[in-house]
């Protein structure tokens, strides 16, 4: 049975200690979609934003054996982060 109080405390701590700070870092990157920045690839902001999210997610995935993260890059397209989570046990 799930202990809702422990689960809530865990999620609150992750939110306050990790998610809010990484969102603040993400917002500081002047990344814009290609619709608003035709030179997005040359500016490199998209790569900075992807690297920030990739690093955070890789740390989380280290506790989930068998899980993997890939960044898919196609010419002229924005990158996509794909995460596969393995089932425990």
PDB file of N, CA and C in Angstrom:
ATOM      1  N   UNK A   1       0.843  -1.181   0.000  1.00  0.00           N
ATOM      2  CA  UNK A   1       0.000   0.000   0.000  1.00  0.00           C
ATOM      3  C   UNK A   1       0.892   1.251   0.000  1.00  0.00           C
ATOM      4  N   UNK A   2       0.493   2.244  -0.728  1.00  0.00           N
ATOM      5  CA  UNK A   2       1.248   3.494  -0.828  1.00  0.00           C
ATOM      6  C   UNK A   2       0.963   4.361   0.400  1.00  0.00           C
ATOM      7  N   UNK A   3       2.042   4.822   1.008  1.00  0.00           N
ATOM      8  CA  UNK A   3       1.926   5.752   2.128  1.00  0.00           C
ATOM      9  C   UNK A   3       1.850   7.160   1.526  1.00  0.00           C
ATOM     10  N   UNK A   4       0.660   7.729   1.492  1.00  0.00           N
ATOM     11  CA  UNK A   4       0.468   9.023   0.821  1.00  0.00           C
ATOM     12  C   UNK A   4       1.227  10.154   1.496  1.00  0.00           C
ATOM     13  N   UNK A   5       1.368  10.105   2.813  1.00  0.00           N
ATOM     14  CA  UNK A   5       2.117  11.163   3.504  1.00  0.00           C
ATOM     15  C   UNK A   5       3.595  11.130   3.119  1.00  0.00           C
ATOM     16  N   UNK A   6       4.183   9.927   3.071  1.00  0.00           N
ATOM     17  CA  UNK A   6       5.586   9.812   2.652  1.00  0.00           C
ATOM     18  C   UNK A   6       5.757  10.209   1.199  1.00  0.00           C
ATOM     19  N   UNK A   7       4.822   9.788   0.365  1.00  0.00           N
ATOM     20  CA  UNK A   7       4.897  10.126  -1.050  1.00  0.00           C
ATOM     21  C   UNK A   7       4.810  11.635  -1.250  1.00  0.00           C
ATOM     22  N   UNK A   8       3.878  12.280  -0.575  1.00  0.00           N
ATOM     23  CA  UNK A   8       3.734  13.735  -0.679  1.00  0.00           C
ATOM     24  C   UNK A   8       4.997  14.436  -0.186  1.00  0.00           C
ATOM     25  N   UNK A   9       5.546  14.004   0.940  1.00  0.00           N
ATOM     26  CA  UNK A   9       6.762  14.618   1.472  1.00  0.00           C
ATOM     27  C   UNK A   9       7.924  14.457   0.487  1.00  0.00           C
ATOM     28  N   UNK A  10       8.030  13.281  -0.127  1.00  0.00           N
ATOM     29  CA  UNK A  10       9.083  13.041  -1.107  1.00  0.00           C
ATOM     30  C   UNK A  10       8.923  13.970  -2.310  1.00  0.00           C
ATOM     31  N   UNK A  11       7.715  14.035  -2.853  1.00  0.00           N
ATOM     32  CA  UNK A  11       7.463  14.880  -4.020  1.00  0.00           C
ATOM     33  C   UNK A  11       7.670  16.354  -3.703  1.00  0.00           C
ATOM     34  N   UNK A  12       7.229  16.794  -2.515  1.00  0.00           N
ATOM     35  CA  UNK A  12       7.447  18.185  -2.111  1.00  0.00           C
ATOM     36  C   UNK A  12       8.931  18.503  -2.032  1.00  0.00           C
ATOM     37  N   UNK A  13       9.717  17.565  -1.507  1.00  0.00           N
ATOM     38  CA  UNK A  13      11.145  17.812  -1.378  1.00  0.00           C
ATOM     39  C   UNK A  13      11.817  17.852  -2.754  1.00  0.00           C
ATOM     40  N   UNK A  14      11.445  16.951  -3.649  1.00  0.00           N
ATOM     41  CA  UNK A  14      12.000  16.972  -5.015  1.00  0.00           C
ATOM     42  C   UNK A  14      11.638  18.282  -5.707  1.00  0.00           C
ATOM     43  N   UNK A  15      10.388  18.705  -5.549  1.00  0.00           N
ATOM     44  CA  UNK A  15       9.935  19.947  -6.177  1.00  0.00           C
ATOM     45  C   UNK A  15      10.762  21.128  -5.695  1.00  0.00           C
ATOM     46  N   UNK A  16      10.872  21.266  -4.374  1.00  0.00           N
ATOM     47  CA  UNK A  16      11.565  22.424  -3.800  1.00  0.00           C
ATOM     48  C   UNK A  16      13.076  22.370  -4.007  1.00  0.00           C
ATOM     49  N   UNK A  17      13.663  21.178  -3.843  1.00  0.00           N
ATOM     50  CA  UNK A  17      15.119  21.062  -3.862  1.00  0.00           C
ATOM     51  C   UNK A  17      15.719  20.895  -5.253  1.00  0.00           C
ATOM     52  N   UNK A  18      14.924  20.365  -6.195  1.00  0.00           N
ATOM     53  CA  UNK A  18      15.498  20.064  -7.505  1.00  0.00           C
ATOM     54  C   UNK A  18      14.760  20.701  -8.682  1.00  0.00           C
ATOM     55  N   UNK A  19      13.458  20.554  -8.711  1.00  0.00           N
ATOM     56  CA  UNK A  19      12.719  21.004  -9.896  1.00  0.00           C
ATOM     57  C   UNK A  19      12.685  22.521 -10.011  1.00  0.00           C
ATOM     58  N   UNK A  20      12.367  23.217  -8.929  1.00  0.00           N
ATOM     59  CA  UNK A  20      12.319  24.685  -8.996  1.00  0.00           C
ATOM     60  C   UNK A  20      13.685  25.265  -9.379  1.00  0.00           C
ATOM     61  N   UNK A  21      14.790  24.825  -8.754  1.00  0.00           N
ATOM     62  CA  UNK A  21      16.083  25.375  -9.169  1.00  0.00           C
ATOM     63  C   UNK A  21      16.434  25.083 -10.626  1.00  0.00           C
ATOM     64  N   UNK A  22      16.137  23.875 -11.114  1.00  0.00           N
ATOM     65  CA  UNK A  22      16.486  23.568 -12.504  1.00  0.00           C
ATOM     66  C   UNK A  22      15.595  24.334 -13.476  1.00  0.00           C
ATOM     67  N   UNK A  23      14.338  24.570 -13.086  1.00  0.00           N
ATOM     68  CA  UNK A  23      13.471  25.410 -13.922  1.00  0.00           C
ATOM     69  C   UNK A  23      13.999  26.834 -13.991  1.00  0.00           C
ATOM     70  N   UNK A  24      14.501  27.340 -12.871  1.00  0.00           N
ATOM     71  CA  UNK A  24      15.082  28.695 -12.863  1.00  0.00           C
ATOM     72  C   UNK A  24      16.292  28.749 -13.794  1.00  0.00           C
ATOM     73  N   UNK A  25      17.141  27.710 -13.747  1.00  0.00           N
ATOM     74  CA  UNK A  25      18.293  27.655 -14.657  1.00  0.00           C
ATOM     75  C   UNK A  25      17.832  27.588 -16.111  1.00  0.00           C
ATOM     76  N   UNK A  26      16.792  26.797 -16.363  1.00  0.00           N
ATOM     77  CA  UNK A  26      16.254  26.647 -17.717  1.00  0.00           C
ATOM     78  C   UNK A  26      15.721  27.978 -18.251  1.00  0.00           C
ATOM     79  N   UNK A  27      15.016  28.701 -17.425  1.00  0.00           N
ATOM     80  CA  UNK A  27      14.427  29.979 -17.838  1.00  0.00           C
ATOM     81  C   UNK A  27      15.508  31.005 -18.176  1.00  0.00           C
ATOM     82  N   UNK A  28      16.672  30.910 -17.533  1.00  0.00           N
ATOM     83  CA  UNK A  28      17.763  31.851 -17.806  1.00  0.00           C
ATOM     84  C   UNK A  28      18.366  31.670 -19.200  1.00  0.00           C
ATOM     85  N   UNK A  29      18.162  30.518 -19.802  1.00  0.00           N
ATOM     86  CA  UNK A  29      18.690  30.272 -21.146  1.00  0.00           C
ATOM     87  C   UNK A  29      17.754  30.964 -22.144  1.00  0.00           C
ATOM     88  N   UNK A  30      18.274  31.863 -22.969  1.00  0.00           N
ATOM     89  CA  UNK A  30      17.401  32.594 -23.903  1.00  0.00           C
ATOM     90  C   UNK A  30      17.001  31.759 -25.123  1.00  0.00           C
ATOM     91  N   UNK A  31      16.589  30.540 -24.868  1.00  0.00           N
ATOM     92  CA  UNK A  31      16.206  29.603 -25.925  1.00  0.00           C
ATOM     93  C   UNK A  31      14.823  29.952 -26.473  1.00  0.00           C
ATOM     94  N   UNK A  32      14.723  29.938 -27.786  1.00  0.00           N
ATOM     95  CA  UNK A  32      13.435  30.188 -28.446  1.00  0.00           C
ATOM     96  C   UNK A  32      13.204  29.120 -29.493  1.00  0.00           C
ATOM     97  N   UNK A  33      11.955  28.854 -29.758  1.00  0.00           N
ATOM     98  CA  UNK A  33      11.635  27.874 -30.800  1.00  0.00           C
ATOM     99  C   UNK A  33      12.047  28.441 -32.157  1.00  0.00           C
ATOM    100  N   UNK A  34      12.220  27.573 -33.148  1.00  0.00           N
ATOM    101  CA  UNK A  34      12.587  28.046 -34.485  1.00  0.00           C
ATOM    102  C   UNK A  34      11.588  29.053 -35.068  1.00  0.00           C
ATOM    103  N   UNK A  35      10.349  29.039 -34.599  1.00  0.00           N
ATOM    104  CA  UNK A  35       9.364  30.008 -35.089  1.00  0.00           C
ATOM    105  C   UNK A  35       9.737  31.432 -34.672  1.00  0.00           C
ATOM    106  N   UNK A  36      10.513  31.578 -33.593  1.00  0.00           N
ATOM    107  CA  UNK A  36      10.893  32.900 -33.092  1.00  0.00           C
ATOM    108  C   UNK A  36      12.386  33.189 -33.220  1.00  0.00           C
ATOM    109  N   UNK A  37      13.178  32.168 -33.593  1.00  0.00           N
ATOM    110  CA  UNK A  37      14.616  32.342 -33.768  1.00  0.00           C
ATOM    111  C   UNK A  37      15.057  31.451 -34.927  1.00  0.00           C
ATOM    112  N   UNK A  38      15.110  32.032 -36.116  1.00  0.00           N
ATOM    113  CA  UNK A  38      15.470  31.250 -37.303  1.00  0.00           C
ATOM    114  C   UNK A  38      16.900  30.721 -37.231  1.00  0.00           C
ATOM    115  N   UNK A  39      17.735  31.337 -36.425  1.00  0.00           N
ATOM    116  CA  UNK A  39      19.126  30.907 -36.279  1.00  0.00           C
ATOM    117  C   UNK A  39      19.349  30.137 -34.977  1.00  0.00           C
ATOM    118  N   UNK A  40      18.326  29.427 -34.533  1.00  0.00           N
ATOM    119  CA  UNK A  40      18.379  28.727 -33.253  1.00  0.00           C
ATOM    120  C   UNK A  40      19.558  27.758 -33.169  1.00  0.00           C
ATOM    121  N   UNK A  41      19.860  27.055 -34.242  1.00  0.00           N
ATOM    122  CA  UNK A  41      20.954  26.076 -34.199  1.00  0.00           C
ATOM    123  C   UNK A  41      22.300  26.774 -34.000  1.00  0.00           C
ATOM    124  N   UNK A  42      22.513  27.870 -34.712  1.00  0.00           N
ATOM    125  CA  UNK A  42      23.771  28.603 -34.598  1.00  0.00           C
ATOM    126  C   UNK A  42      23.936  29.244 -33.228  1.00  0.00           C
ATOM    127  N   UNK A  43      22.839  29.711 -32.643  1.00  0.00           N
ATOM    128  CA  UNK A  43      22.918  30.361 -31.335  1.00  0.00           C
ATOM    129  C   UNK A  43      23.286  29.376 -30.226  1.00  0.00           C
ATOM    130  N   UNK A  44      22.868  28.122 -30.365  1.00  0.00           N
ATOM    131  CA  UNK A  44      23.249  27.089 -29.399  1.00  0.00           C
ATOM    132  C   UNK A  44      22.438  27.047 -28.119  1.00  0.00           C
ATOM    133  N   UNK A  45      21.441  27.911 -27.995  1.00  0.00           N
ATOM    134  CA  UNK A  45      20.650  27.921 -26.762  1.00  0.00           C
ATOM    135  C   UNK A  45      19.834  26.643 -26.594  1.00  0.00           C
ATOM    136  N   UNK A  46      19.345  26.119 -27.694  1.00  0.00           N
ATOM    137  CA  UNK A  46      18.580  24.870 -27.637  1.00  0.00           C
ATOM    138  C   UNK A  46      19.467  23.753 -27.089  1.00  0.00           C
ATOM    139  N   UNK A  47      20.714  23.698 -27.550  1.00  0.00           N
ATOM    140  CA  UNK A  47      21.643  22.682 -27.053  1.00  0.00           C
ATOM    141  C   UNK A  47      21.912  22.850 -25.559  1.00  0.00           C
ATOM    142  N   UNK A  48      22.022  24.092 -25.102  1.00  0.00           N
ATOM    143  CA  UNK A  48      22.216  24.340 -23.669  1.00  0.00           C
ATOM    144  C   UNK A  48      21.020  23.835 -22.864  1.00  0.00           C
ATOM    145  N   UNK A  49      19.826  24.125 -23.352  1.00  0.00           N
ATOM    146  CA  UNK A  49      18.611  23.698 -22.646  1.00  0.00           C
ATOM    147  C   UNK A  49      18.495  22.176 -22.627  1.00  0.00           C
ATOM    148  N   UNK A  50      18.800  21.543 -23.741  1.00  0.00           N
ATOM    149  CA  UNK A  50      18.743  20.077 -23.806  1.00  0.00           C
ATOM    150  C   UNK A  50      19.772  19.472 -22.860  1.00  0.00           C
ATOM    151  N   UNK A  51      20.981  19.998 -22.845  1.00  0.00           N
ATOM    152  CA  UNK A  51      22.041  19.473 -21.979  1.00  0.00           C
ATOM    153  C   UNK A  51      21.648  19.605 -20.508  1.00  0.00           C
ATOM    154  N   UNK A  52      21.058  20.716 -20.141  1.00  0.00           N
ATOM    155  CA  UNK A  52      20.612  20.918 -18.756  1.00  0.00           C
ATOM    156  C   UNK A  52      19.603  19.848 -18.357  1.00  0.00           C
ATOM    157  N   UNK A  53      18.594  19.630 -19.181  1.00  0.00           N
ATOM    158  CA  UNK A  53      17.555  18.622 -18.896  1.00  0.00           C
ATOM    159  C   UNK A  53      18.135  17.211 -18.950  1.00  0.00           C
ATOM    160  N   UNK A  54      19.025  16.974 -19.913  1.00  0.00           N
ATOM    161  CA  UNK A  54      19.640  15.654 -20.053  1.00  0.00           C
ATOM    162  C   UNK A  54      20.452  15.300 -18.800  1.00  0.00           C
ATOM    163  N   UNK A  55      21.263  16.224 -18.319  1.00  0.00           N
ATOM    164  CA  UNK A  55      22.071  15.969 -17.129  1.00  0.00           C
ATOM    165  C   UNK A  55      21.207  15.667 -15.914  1.00  0.00           C
ATOM    166  N   UNK A  56      20.138  16.439 -15.724  1.00  0.00           N
ATOM    167  CA  UNK A  56      19.243  16.213 -14.585  1.00  0.00           C
ATOM    168  C   UNK A  56      18.596  14.838 -14.688  1.00  0.00           C
ATOM    169  N   UNK A  57      18.091  14.512 -15.863  1.00  0.00           N
ATOM    170  CA  UNK A  57      17.401  13.231 -16.045  1.00  0.00           C
ATOM    171  C   UNK A  57      18.365  12.055 -15.891  1.00  0.00           C
ATOM    172  N   UNK A  58      19.593  12.185 -16.389  1.00  0.00           N
ATOM    173  CA  UNK A  58      20.573  11.097 -16.261  1.00  0.00           C
ATOM    174  C   UNK A  58      20.839  10.779 -14.790  1.00  0.00           C
ATOM    175  N   UNK A  59      20.887  11.805 -13.961  1.00  0.00           N
ATOM    176  CA  UNK A  59      21.090  11.580 -12.525  1.00  0.00           C
ATOM    177  C   UNK A  59      19.939  10.764 -11.941  1.00  0.00           C
ATOM    178  N   UNK A  60      18.743  11.064 -12.356  1.00  0.00           N
ATOM    179  CA  UNK A  60      17.572  10.330 -11.867  1.00  0.00           C
ATOM    180  C   UNK A  60      17.565   8.900 -12.384  1.00  0.00           C
ATOM    181  N   UNK A  61      17.934   8.717 -13.638  1.00  0.00           N
ATOM    182  CA  UNK A  61      17.896   7.389 -14.240  1.00  0.00           C
ATOM    183  C   UNK A  61      18.953   6.457 -13.673  1.00  0.00           C
ATOM    184  N   UNK A  62      19.985   7.009 -13.057  1.00  0.00           N
ATOM    185  CA  UNK A  62      21.029   6.156 -12.488  1.00  0.00           C
ATOM    186  C   UNK A  62      20.467   5.246 -11.396  1.00  0.00           C
ATOM    187  N   UNK A  63      19.344   5.627 -10.812  1.00  0.00           N
ATOM    188  CA  UNK A  63      18.721   4.791  -9.776  1.00  0.00           C
ATOM    189  C   UNK A  63      17.694   3.821 -10.362  1.00  0.00           C
ATOM    190  N   UNK A  64      17.545   3.810 -11.682  1.00  0.00           N
ATOM    191  CA  UNK A  64      16.612   2.900 -12.356  1.00  0.00           C
ATOM    192  C   UNK A  64      17.392   2.026 -13.345  1.00  0.00           C
ATOM    193  N   UNK A  65      18.014   0.938 -12.873  1.00  0.00           N
ATOM    194  CA  UNK A  65      18.807   0.089 -13.773  1.00  0.00           C
ATOM    195  C   UNK A  65      17.998  -0.356 -14.986  1.00  0.00           C
ATOM    196  N   UNK A  66      18.653  -0.334 -16.124  1.00  0.00           N
ATOM    197  CA  UNK A  66      18.003  -0.735 -17.369  1.00  0.00           C
ATOM    198  C   UNK A  66      17.316   0.405 -18.089  1.00  0.00           C
ATOM    199  N   UNK A  67      17.222   1.562 -17.460  1.00  0.00           N
ATOM    200  CA  UNK A  67      16.616   2.723 -18.101  1.00  0.00           C
ATOM    201  C   UNK A  67      17.662   3.428 -18.944  1.00  0.00           C
ATOM    202  N   UNK A  68      17.211   4.196 -19.918  1.00  0.00           N
ATOM    203  CA  UNK A  68      18.145   4.862 -20.820  1.00  0.00           C
ATOM    204  C   UNK A  68      17.572   6.185 -21.308  1.00  0.00           C
ATOM    205  N   UNK A  69      18.468   7.074 -21.660  1.00  0.00           N
ATOM    206  CA  UNK A  69      18.106   8.378 -22.207  1.00  0.00           C
ATOM    207  C   UNK A  69      18.873   8.574 -23.504  1.00  0.00           C
ATOM    208  N   UNK A  70      18.175   9.009 -24.519  1.00  0.00           N
ATOM    209  CA  UNK A  70      18.805   9.341 -25.794  1.00  0.00           C
ATOM    210  C   UNK A  70      18.337  10.730 -26.216  1.00  0.00           C
ATOM    211  N   UNK A  71      19.242  11.469 -26.828  1.00  0.00           N
ATOM    212  CA  UNK A  71      18.881  12.733 -27.459  1.00  0.00           C
ATOM    213  C   UNK A  71      18.905  12.470 -28.962  1.00  0.00           C
ATOM    214  N   UNK A  72      17.748  12.603 -29.582  1.00  0.00           N
ATOM    215  CA  UNK A  72      17.628  12.369 -31.015  1.00  0.00           C
ATOM    216  C   UNK A  72      17.807  13.701 -31.733  1.00  0.00           C
ATOM    217  N   UNK A  73      18.741  13.718 -32.671  1.00  0.00           N
ATOM    218  CA  UNK A  73      19.020  14.936 -33.451  1.00  0.00           C
ATOM    219  C   UNK A  73      18.910  14.603 -34.931  1.00  0.00           C
ATOM    220  N   UNK A  74      18.038  15.320 -35.597  1.00  0.00           N
ATOM    221  CA  UNK A  74      17.877  15.193 -37.042  1.00  0.00           C
ATOM    222  C   UNK A  74      18.251  16.531 -37.675  1.00  0.00           C
ATOM    223  N   UNK A  75      18.875  16.514 -38.840  1.00  0.00           N
ATOM    224  CA  UNK A  75      19.284  17.759 -39.487  1.00  0.00           C
ATOM    225  C   UNK A  75      18.114  18.737 -39.650  1.00  0.00           C
ATOM    226  N   UNK A  76      18.333  19.979 -39.198  1.00  0.00           N
ATOM    227  CA  UNK A  76      17.332  21.028 -39.350  1.00  0.00           C
ATOM    228  C   UNK A  76      16.163  20.954 -38.383  1.00  0.00           C
ATOM    229  N   UNK A  77      16.176  19.987 -37.471  1.00  0.00           N
ATOM    230  CA  UNK A  77      15.077  19.815 -36.515  1.00  0.00           C
ATOM    231  C   UNK A  77      15.595  20.054 -35.098  1.00  0.00           C
ATOM    232  N   UNK A  78      14.705  20.454 -34.214  1.00  0.00           N
ATOM    233  CA  UNK A  78      15.094  20.616 -32.813  1.00  0.00           C
ATOM    234  C   UNK A  78      15.286  19.239 -32.188  1.00  0.00           C
ATOM    235  N   UNK A  79      16.187  19.133 -31.211  1.00  0.00           N
ATOM    236  CA  UNK A  79      16.441  17.846 -30.584  1.00  0.00           C
ATOM    237  C   UNK A  79      15.250  17.374 -29.741  1.00  0.00           C
ATOM    238  N   UNK A  80      15.176  16.060 -29.582  1.00  0.00           N
ATOM    239  CA  UNK A  80      14.131  15.446 -28.768  1.00  0.00           C
ATOM    240  C   UNK A  80      14.809  14.534 -27.756  1.00  0.00           C
ATOM    241  N   UNK A  81      14.403  14.643 -26.503  1.00  0.00           N
ATOM    242  CA  UNK A  81      14.917  13.743 -25.453  1.00  0.00           C
ATOM    243  C   UNK A  81      13.930  12.583 -25.332  1.00  0.00           C
ATOM    244  N   UNK A  82      14.466  11.364 -25.447  1.00  0.00           N
ATOM    245  CA  UNK A  82      13.645  10.152 -25.311  1.00  0.00           C
ATOM    246  C   UNK A  82      14.166   9.382 -24.104  1.00  0.00           C
ATOM    247  N   UNK A  83      13.280   9.093 -23.162  1.00  0.00           N
ATOM    248  CA  UNK A  83      13.651   8.349 -21.953  1.00  0.00           C
ATOM    249  C   UNK A  83      12.851   7.047 -21.923  1.00  0.00           C
ATOM    250  N   UNK A  84      13.585   5.951 -21.733  1.00  0.00           N
ATOM    251  CA  UNK A  84      12.957   4.655 -21.558  1.00  0.00           C
ATOM    252  C   UNK A  84      13.220   4.207 -20.125  1.00  0.00           C
ATOM    253  N   UNK A  85      12.151   3.974 -19.388  1.00  0.00           N
ATOM    254  CA  UNK A  85      12.265   3.541 -17.996  1.00  0.00           C
ATOM    255  C   UNK A  85      12.000   2.046 -17.907  1.00  0.00           C
ATOM    256  N   UNK A  86      12.920   1.342 -17.283  1.00  0.00           N
ATOM    257  CA  UNK A  86      12.772  -0.093 -17.090  1.00  0.00           C
ATOM    258  C   UNK A  86      11.857  -0.346 -15.892  1.00  0.00           C
ATOM    259  N   UNK A  87      11.157  -1.424 -15.960  1.00  0.00           N
ATOM    260  CA  UNK A  87      10.310  -1.826 -14.831  1.00  0.00           C
ATOM    261  C   UNK A  87      11.203  -2.387 -13.728  1.00  0.00           C
ATOM    262  N   UNK A  88      10.936  -1.993 -12.488  1.00  0.00           N
ATOM    263  CA  UNK A  88      11.716  -2.575 -11.398  1.00  0.00           C
ATOM    264  C   UNK A  88      11.405  -4.063 -11.233  1.00  0.00           C
ATOM    265  N   UNK A  89      12.433  -4.803 -10.826  1.00  0.00           N
ATOM    266  CA  UNK A  89      12.249  -6.232 -10.537  1.00  0.00           C
ATOM    267  C   UNK A  89      12.175  -7.002 -11.730  1.00  0.00           C
TER     268      UNK A  89
END
